[in-house]
């Protein structure tokens, strides 16, 4: 493959568009600029509508002079495909083009994409010089749409990891990307009825697993700390002074508070979904109420510590521990309720919404 390429495609709104690719992509930028193309904020070059024929011919000649190969895509512009899909999804979605001119930029996606299927494999093993993100402006979910490598018409769609759960490719809880046809209506139905419910279930399972892991870790550390307190000796059987015991207690409480932030981040959404009355354990409502109150107190404390008020360490430990202790006591009740409250909805497609302005979504393309 040439060290620099120009990929041409057709856009419904902009006519001929071009994207630079390759390790020496600046050569492609130079050829495009000298041929009269203009670059927009997304990093996509547009051919002026009033000079289509002459400028396209000039581009081929200029590209050869700069050792740049020119390729014409059989697909329509990825931005058009993404916008058409976004308009037909239920809710409020915005689309943005992402450019990965240098192959290294594409590698950045692997750490962010949350997928256990073909999309994740393609990002690792195939050259993908551009893509599109489609973002739910209410829920914050961001999808990644790419042309399916090795296929003339199909697309792949997956999602980035939700905030606070940045596991990336290979996470066992990640949803599987799906193949989309080149028809916006059918593609939107597949996303709404198949992919998004799968994604929501995966997020629910990942959040539940994260909380279970944190509670297990804090409980284990608490047992170790309690054994030290009861014996008056360190794990190396060395007698501990009152000062050393106090320091060990402070370390345990501080570490537990840091770990408990995972519960603060993810438990409220999961608790809201729990319906004890319709579960096998209808009497769990009292325990869930205690857990909800405890995490609300912890949220208040966290906001004070991080955003506004200077809370002394001793006060923070004294206020944080009751919330943590409540979750250690009733955490198993929460986990069993969370497991039976996973979302199973299949949203119906709404009437296509009007076009909306584009909005960028991370990780963004790099324009140089």
Protein backbone atom coordinates (compact mmCIF):
# COMPACT_ATOMS: atom_id res chain seq x y z
CA UNK A 1 0.00 0.00 0.00
CA UNK A 2 1.24 3.49 -0.82
CA UNK A 3 2.49 5.61 2.05
CA UNK A 4 -0.15 8.24 1.26
CA UNK A 5 -3.59 7.80 -0.26
CA UNK A 6 -6.60 9.89 -1.11
CA UNK A 7 -10.01 8.21 -0.84
CA UNK A 8 -12.77 9.83 -2.90
CA UNK A 9 -16.47 9.31 -2.29
CA UNK A 10 -19.71 11.08 -3.09
CA UNK A 11 -21.73 13.07 -0.59
CA UNK A 12 -25.36 13.95 -1.16
CA UNK A 13 -24.82 17.43 0.26
CA UNK A 14 -21.22 18.19 -0.71
CA UNK A 15 -20.62 16.35 -3.95
CA UNK A 16 -17.14 14.79 -4.20
CA UNK A 17 -15.33 14.52 -0.88
CA UNK A 18 -11.83 13.26 -0.08
CA UNK A 19 -10.08 11.82 2.94
CA UNK A 20 -6.31 11.58 3.34
CA UNK A 21 -4.77 8.37 4.65
CA UNK A 22 -1.40 6.72 5.22
CA UNK A 23 1.75 7.27 7.25
CA UNK A 24 2.71 10.12 4.91
CA UNK A 25 -0.78 11.61 4.83
CA UNK A 26 0.54 15.23 4.75
CA UNK A 27 1.50 14.60 1.11
CA UNK A 28 -2.15 13.85 0.43
CA UNK A 29 -3.16 17.05 2.21
CA UNK A 30 -0.78 18.99 -0.01
CA UNK A 31 -2.12 17.41 -3.20
CA UNK A 32 -5.70 18.11 -2.19
CA UNK A 33 -5.00 21.73 -1.29
CA UNK A 34 -3.09 22.37 -4.54
CA UNK A 35 -6.00 20.86 -6.50
CA UNK A 36 -8.53 23.25 -5.01
CA UNK A 37 -10.11 21.04 -2.34
CA UNK A 38 -11.11 22.68 0.93
CA UNK A 39 -11.01 20.99 4.32
CA UNK A 40 -13.89 21.28 6.83
CA UNK A 41 -13.84 21.03 10.60
CA UNK A 42 -14.16 17.23 10.50
CA UNK A 43 -10.99 16.92 8.45
CA UNK A 44 -12.88 15.99 5.26
CA UNK A 45 -11.90 17.70 1.99
CA UNK A 46 -14.64 18.94 -0.33
CA UNK A 47 -14.45 19.55 -4.03
CA UNK A 48 -15.91 22.93 -5.03
CA UNK A 49 -19.26 22.32 -6.71
CA UNK A 50 -18.58 24.81 -9.51
CA UNK A 51 -15.35 23.13 -10.72
CA UNK A 52 -15.99 19.40 -10.41
CA UNK A 53 -14.55 18.07 -13.66
CA UNK A 54 -11.40 20.14 -13.97
CA UNK A 55 -10.39 19.87 -10.33
CA UNK A 56 -10.88 16.09 -10.18
CA UNK A 57 -8.57 15.67 -13.19
CA UNK A 58 -6.05 18.04 -11.66
CA UNK A 59 -6.09 16.01 -8.46
CA UNK A 60 -4.93 12.81 -10.17
CA UNK A 61 -2.03 14.62 -11.82
CA UNK A 62 -1.07 16.49 -8.67
CA UNK A 63 -1.30 13.35 -6.53
CA UNK A 64 1.15 11.51 -8.80
CA UNK A 65 3.58 14.38 -8.45
CA UNK A 66 3.44 14.03 -4.65
CA UNK A 67 3.61 10.21 -4.74
CA UNK A 68 0.00 9.87 -3.52
CA UNK A 69 -2.37 7.21 -4.82
CA UNK A 70 -6.02 8.09 -5.48
CA UNK A 71 -8.83 5.60 -4.85
CA UNK A 72 -12.55 5.97 -5.53
CA UNK A 73 -14.86 4.35 -2.99
CA UNK A 74 -17.87 2.38 -4.20
CA UNK A 75 -19.77 3.53 -1.12
CA UNK A 76 -21.42 6.82 -0.38
CA UNK A 77 -19.72 9.17 2.07
CA UNK A 78 -19.64 7.74 5.63
CA UNK A 79 -20.99 11.04 6.98
CA UNK A 80 -24.17 10.72 4.92
CA UNK A 81 -24.69 7.12 6.05
CA UNK A 82 -24.24 8.09 9.70
CA UNK A 83 -26.57 11.10 9.51
CA UNK A 84 -29.29 9.08 7.78
CA UNK A 85 -29.02 6.40 10.46
CA UNK A 86 -29.08 8.97 13.28
CA UNK A 87 -32.23 10.61 11.92
CA UNK A 88 -34.15 7.32 12.04
CA UNK A 89 -33.11 6.15 15.50
CA UNK A 90 -35.56 6.76 18.36
CA UNK A 91 -34.51 9.69 20.53
CA UNK A 92 -32.06 12.49 19.82
CA UNK A 93 -28.90 11.36 18.04
CA UNK A 94 -26.14 13.39 16.40
CA UNK A 95 -23.50 12.15 13.95
CA UNK A 96 -19.89 13.17 13.44
CA UNK A 97 -17.17 12.00 11.05
CA UNK A 98 -13.92 10.74 12.55
CA UNK A 99 -10.67 10.64 10.56
CA UNK A 100 -7.77 8.30 11.38
CA UNK A 101 -5.33 9.33 8.66
CA UNK A 102 -2.28 7.83 10.35
CA UNK A 103 -2.59 4.13 11.24
CA UNK A 104 -1.46 4.85 14.80
CA UNK A 105 -4.53 7.00 15.37
CA UNK A 106 -6.76 4.04 14.65
CA UNK A 107 -5.00 2.12 17.42
CA UNK A 108 -6.35 4.66 19.91
CA UNK A 109 -9.82 3.27 19.30
CA UNK A 110 -9.00 -0.20 20.61
CA UNK A 111 -8.72 1.03 24.19
CA UNK A 112 -12.10 2.77 23.96
CA UNK A 113 -14.34 0.54 21.89
CA UNK A 114 -16.48 -1.75 24.06
CA UNK A 115 -17.03 -4.76 21.88
CA UNK A 116 -16.66 -8.53 21.86
CA UNK A 117 -17.40 -9.05 18.18
CA UNK A 118 -16.34 -8.28 14.64
CA UNK A 119 -15.90 -4.53 15.09
CA UNK A 120 -13.28 -4.95 17.80
CA UNK A 121 -11.39 -7.49 15.70
CA UNK A 122 -11.53 -5.24 12.65
CA UNK A 123 -10.10 -2.28 14.55
CA UNK A 124 -7.19 -4.42 15.65
CA UNK A 125 -6.47 -6.16 12.37
CA UNK A 126 -7.81 -4.07 9.47
CA UNK A 127 -7.00 -0.59 8.18
CA UNK A 128 -9.92 1.75 8.91
CA UNK A 129 -8.99 5.31 7.85
CA UNK A 130 -12.31 6.87 8.80
CA UNK A 131 -15.53 6.17 10.70
CA UNK A 132 -18.49 7.99 12.19
CA UNK A 133 -19.74 8.37 15.74
CA UNK A 134 -23.46 8.54 16.49
CA UNK A 135 -24.24 9.92 19.95
CA UNK A 136 -27.45 9.79 21.98
CA UNK A 137 -27.63 13.37 23.23
CA UNK A 138 -29.85 12.39 26.20
CA UNK A 139 -28.38 9.08 27.39
CA UNK A 140 -24.79 9.74 26.31
CA UNK A 141 -24.36 6.44 24.47
CA UNK A 142 -21.88 6.77 21.59
CA UNK A 143 -21.92 4.30 18.71
CA UNK A 144 -19.12 3.77 16.20
CA UNK A 145 -20.08 3.11 12.58
CA UNK A 146 -17.47 1.75 10.15
CA UNK A 147 -17.53 0.26 6.68
CA UNK A 148 -17.27 -3.51 7.07
CA UNK A 149 -13.83 -4.58 5.82
CA UNK A 150 -13.90 -7.07 2.97
CA UNK A 151 -17.53 -6.36 2.07
CA UNK A 152 -18.78 -4.00 -0.60
CA UNK A 153 -21.88 -2.60 1.08
CA UNK A 154 -22.28 -3.62 4.75
CA UNK A 155 -21.38 -1.62 7.85
CA UNK A 156 -20.42 -2.56 11.40
CA UNK A 157 -21.75 -0.77 14.44
CA UNK A 158 -20.63 -1.05 18.05
CA UNK A 159 -20.26 1.27 21.01
CA UNK A 160 -17.70 2.98 23.17
CA UNK A 161 -17.54 1.97 26.81
CA UNK A 162 -19.87 3.99 29.05
CA UNK A 163 -18.29 6.53 31.37
CA UNK A 164 -16.69 4.90 34.38
CA UNK A 165 -16.50 1.46 32.74
CA UNK A 166 -13.67 1.98 30.28
CA UNK A 167 -12.71 -1.65 29.80
CA UNK A 168 -12.24 -1.55 26.03
CA UNK A 169 -12.07 -4.44 23.62
CA UNK A 170 -12.06 -7.91 25.17
CA UNK A 171 -14.14 -7.16 28.26
CA UNK A 172 -16.27 -10.30 28.77
CA UNK A 173 -19.32 -8.16 29.55
CA UNK A 174 -19.05 -6.16 26.31
CA UNK A 175 -21.89 -6.42 23.77
CA UNK A 176 -21.26 -7.82 20.31
CA UNK A 177 -21.21 -5.44 17.36
CA UNK A 178 -23.67 -6.16 14.57
CA UNK A 179 -23.64 -5.95 10.78
CA UNK A 180 -25.84 -3.27 9.21
CA UNK A 181 -27.21 -3.12 5.67
CA UNK A 182 -26.66 0.02 3.57
CA UNK A 183 -30.32 1.03 3.93
CA UNK A 184 -30.94 3.55 6.70
CA UNK A 185 -34.39 2.32 7.70
CA UNK A 186 -33.39 -1.32 8.05
CA UNK A 187 -30.13 -0.35 9.74
CA UNK A 188 -31.93 1.83 12.29
CA UNK A 189 -34.35 -0.97 13.08
CA UNK A 190 -31.46 -3.37 13.66
CA UNK A 191 -29.75 -0.90 15.99
CA UNK A 192 -32.92 -0.05 17.91
CA UNK A 193 -34.34 -3.55 18.22
CA UNK A 194 -31.18 -5.65 18.45
CA UNK A 195 -28.08 -3.71 19.33
CA UNK A 196 -29.27 -1.10 21.84
CA UNK A 197 -31.16 -3.59 24.06
CA UNK A 198 -28.06 -5.81 24.04
CA UNK A 199 -25.91 -2.80 24.91
CA UNK A 200 -28.17 -1.77 27.80
CA UNK A 201 -28.14 -5.31 29.19
CA UNK A 202 -24.35 -5.37 28.93
CA UNK A 203 -24.03 -2.05 30.77
CA UNK A 204 -26.34 -3.32 33.51
CA UNK A 205 -24.33 -6.54 33.88
CA UNK A 206 -21.00 -4.68 33.87
CA UNK A 207 -22.16 -2.22 36.52
CA UNK A 208 -23.48 -5.04 38.69
CA UNK A 209 -20.21 -6.94 38.33
CA UNK A 210 -18.18 -3.84 39.19
CA UNK A 211 -20.15 -3.29 42.39
CA UNK A 212 -19.92 -6.96 43.33
CA UNK A 213 -16.13 -6.88 42.85
CA UNK A 214 -15.74 -3.73 44.96
CA UNK A 215 -17.89 -5.05 47.79
CA UNK A 216 -15.96 -8.31 47.76
CA UNK A 217 -12.66 -6.46 47.90
CA UNK A 218 -13.75 -4.16 50.74
CA UNK A 219 -15.17 -7.11 52.68
CA UNK A 220 -11.90 -9.02 52.33
CA UNK A 221 -9.88 -6.02 53.46
CA UNK A 222 -12.27 -5.49 56.37
CA UNK A 223 -11.80 -9.08 57.50
CA UNK A 224 -8.03 -8.65 57.34
CA UNK A 225 -8.21 -5.37 59.27
CA UNK A 226 -10.53 -6.91 61.87
CA UNK A 227 -8.13 -9.80 62.39
CA UNK A 228 -5.30 -7.33 62.98
CA UNK A 229 -7.38 -5.36 65.48
CA UNK A 230 -8.47 -8.49 67.33
CA UNK A 231 -4.93 -9.88 67.57
CA UNK A 232 -3.06 -6.64 68.05
CA UNK A 233 -0.44 -7.91 65.61
CA UNK A 234 0.42 -7.16 62.01
CA UNK A 235 0.24 -9.78 59.29
CA UNK A 236 3.90 -10.49 60.05
CA UNK A 237 2.94 -11.29 63.69
CA UNK A 238 4.65 -8.12 64.94
CA UNK A 239 2.91 -6.45 67.92
CA UNK A 240 1.31 -3.15 66.96
CA UNK A 241 1.29 0.00 69.06
CA UNK A 242 -1.93 1.99 69.44
CA UNK A 243 -0.52 4.51 66.96
CA UNK A 244 0.20 1.79 64.44
CA UNK A 245 -3.27 0.32 64.88
CA UNK A 246 -4.74 3.78 64.33
CA UNK A 247 -2.70 4.25 61.17
CA UNK A 248 -3.79 0.84 59.87
CA UNK A 249 -7.41 1.76 60.53
CA UNK A 250 -7.05 5.06 58.69
CA UNK A 251 -5.42 3.32 55.72
CA UNK A 252 -8.25 0.78 55.59
CA UNK A 253 -10.95 3.46 55.76
CA UNK A 254 -9.24 5.63 53.14
CA UNK A 255 -8.80 2.75 50.73
CA UNK A 256 -12.38 1.60 51.28
CA UNK A 257 -13.66 5.09 50.51
CA UNK A 258 -11.72 5.22 47.27
CA UNK A 259 -13.07 1.83 46.23
CA UNK A 260 -16.61 2.75 47.26
CA UNK A 261 -16.70 5.44 44.59
CA UNK A 262 -17.58 2.67 42.13
CA UNK A 263 -20.76 2.04 44.13
CA UNK A 264 -21.52 5.77 44.18
CA UNK A 265 -21.10 5.96 40.40
CA UNK A 266 -23.19 2.97 39.39
CA UNK A 267 -25.58 1.89 42.15
CA UNK A 268 -28.22 4.65 41.86
CA UNK A 269 -29.18 3.70 38.30
CA UNK A 270 -29.36 0.01 39.19
CA UNK A 271 -31.40 0.59 42.35
CA UNK A 272 -33.92 2.61 40.34
CA UNK A 273 -34.54 -0.45 38.17
CA UNK A 274 -35.09 -2.83 41.06
CA UNK A 275 -38.70 -3.90 41.68
CA UNK A 276 -38.71 -6.13 44.79
CA UNK A 277 -42.48 -6.60 44.72
CA UNK A 278 -42.27 -8.39 41.37
CA UNK A 279 -39.15 -10.37 42.29
CA UNK A 280 -38.83 -13.68 44.17
CA UNK A 281 -37.85 -11.60 47.24
CA UNK A 282 -40.60 -9.00 47.82
CA UNK A 283 -39.36 -8.29 51.34
CA UNK A 284 -36.10 -6.83 49.99
CA UNK A 285 -37.63 -3.36 49.70
CA UNK A 286 -36.54 -2.32 53.20
CA UNK A 287 -32.93 -3.32 52.56
CA UNK A 288 -32.94 -1.53 49.19
CA UNK A 289 -34.23 1.61 50.89
CA UNK A 290 -31.35 1.48 53.36
CA UNK A 291 -28.88 1.00 50.54
CA UNK A 292 -30.36 3.90 48.55
CA UNK A 293 -30.16 6.21 51.57
CA UNK A 294 -26.60 5.12 52.28
CA UNK A 295 -25.39 5.75 48.74
CA UNK A 296 -27.19 9.13 48.72
CA UNK A 297 -25.30 10.12 51.88
CA UNK A 298 -22.06 9.00 50.26
CA UNK A 299 -22.85 11.03 47.12
CA UNK A 300 -23.36 14.13 49.27
CA UNK A 301 -20.05 13.54 51.01
CA UNK A 302 -18.26 12.95 47.74
CA UNK A 303 -19.62 16.19 46.28
CA UNK A 304 -18.44 18.10 49.32
CA UNK A 305 -14.97 16.57 49.20
CA UNK A 306 -14.45 17.05 45.48
CA UNK A 307 -16.33 20.19 44.51
CA UNK A 308 -17.06 22.62 47.28
CA UNK A 309 -16.23 21.97 50.92
CA UNK A 310 -12.95 21.04 52.58
CA UNK A 311 -13.88 18.04 54.74
CA UNK A 312 -11.24 17.02 57.31
CA UNK A 313 -10.02 13.47 56.87
CA UNK A 314 -11.29 12.37 60.27
CA UNK A 315 -14.78 13.68 59.54
CA UNK A 316 -14.77 12.12 56.08
CA UNK A 317 -13.88 8.70 57.51
CA UNK A 318 -16.56 8.99 60.19
CA UNK A 319 -19.25 9.90 57.64
CA UNK A 320 -18.18 7.44 54.94
CA UNK A 321 -17.99 4.28 57.02
CA UNK A 322 -21.70 3.98 57.93
CA UNK A 323 -22.58 4.02 54.21
CA UNK A 324 -19.91 1.46 53.37
CA UNK A 325 -20.94 -0.75 56.30
CA UNK A 326 -24.58 -0.67 55.16
CA UNK A 327 -23.52 -1.90 51.72
CA UNK A 328 -21.37 -4.65 53.24
CA UNK A 329 -24.37 -5.75 55.30
CA UNK A 330 -27.09 -5.57 52.63
CA UNK A 331 -25.00 -5.78 49.47
CA UNK A 332 -26.02 -9.34 48.64
CA UNK A 333 -29.66 -8.25 48.69
CA UNK A 334 -28.87 -5.55 46.16
CA UNK A 335 -26.93 -7.94 43.91
CA UNK A 336 -29.73 -10.48 43.66
CA UNK A 337 -32.25 -7.76 42.92
CA UNK A 338 -29.96 -6.23 40.29
CA UNK A 339 -29.54 -9.59 38.59
CA UNK A 340 -33.29 -10.01 38.08
CA UNK A 341 -33.89 -6.40 37.04
CA UNK A 342 -31.75 -6.30 33.89
CA UNK A 343 -33.42 -4.33 31.09
CA UNK A 344 -35.17 -6.31 28.38
CA UNK A 345 -36.98 -3.58 26.51
CA UNK A 346 -37.15 -3.47 22.72
CA UNK A 347 -37.77 0.17 21.78
CA UNK A 348 -40.10 0.84 18.87
CA UNK A 349 -38.81 3.09 16.15
CA UNK A 350 -40.16 6.61 16.33
CA UNK A 351 -41.04 8.80 13.37
CA UNK A 352 -37.86 10.08 11.78
CA UNK A 353 -36.76 13.29 13.45
CA UNK A 354 -35.59 16.36 11.54
CA UNK A 355 -31.91 16.82 10.83
CA UNK A 356 -29.84 18.12 13.72
CA UNK A 357 -26.47 19.87 13.87
CA UNK A 358 -23.47 17.61 14.11
CA UNK A 359 -21.66 17.16 17.42
CA UNK A 360 -18.23 15.63 17.95
CA UNK A 361 -17.71 12.61 20.20
CA UNK A 362 -14.48 11.17 21.66
CA UNK A 363 -12.08 9.91 20.64
CA UNK A 364 -11.94 12.65 18.01
CA UNK A 365 -10.11 12.59 14.72
CA UNK A 366 -6.76 14.28 14.48
CA UNK A 367 -6.30 16.96 11.85
CA UNK A 368 -2.83 18.10 11.06
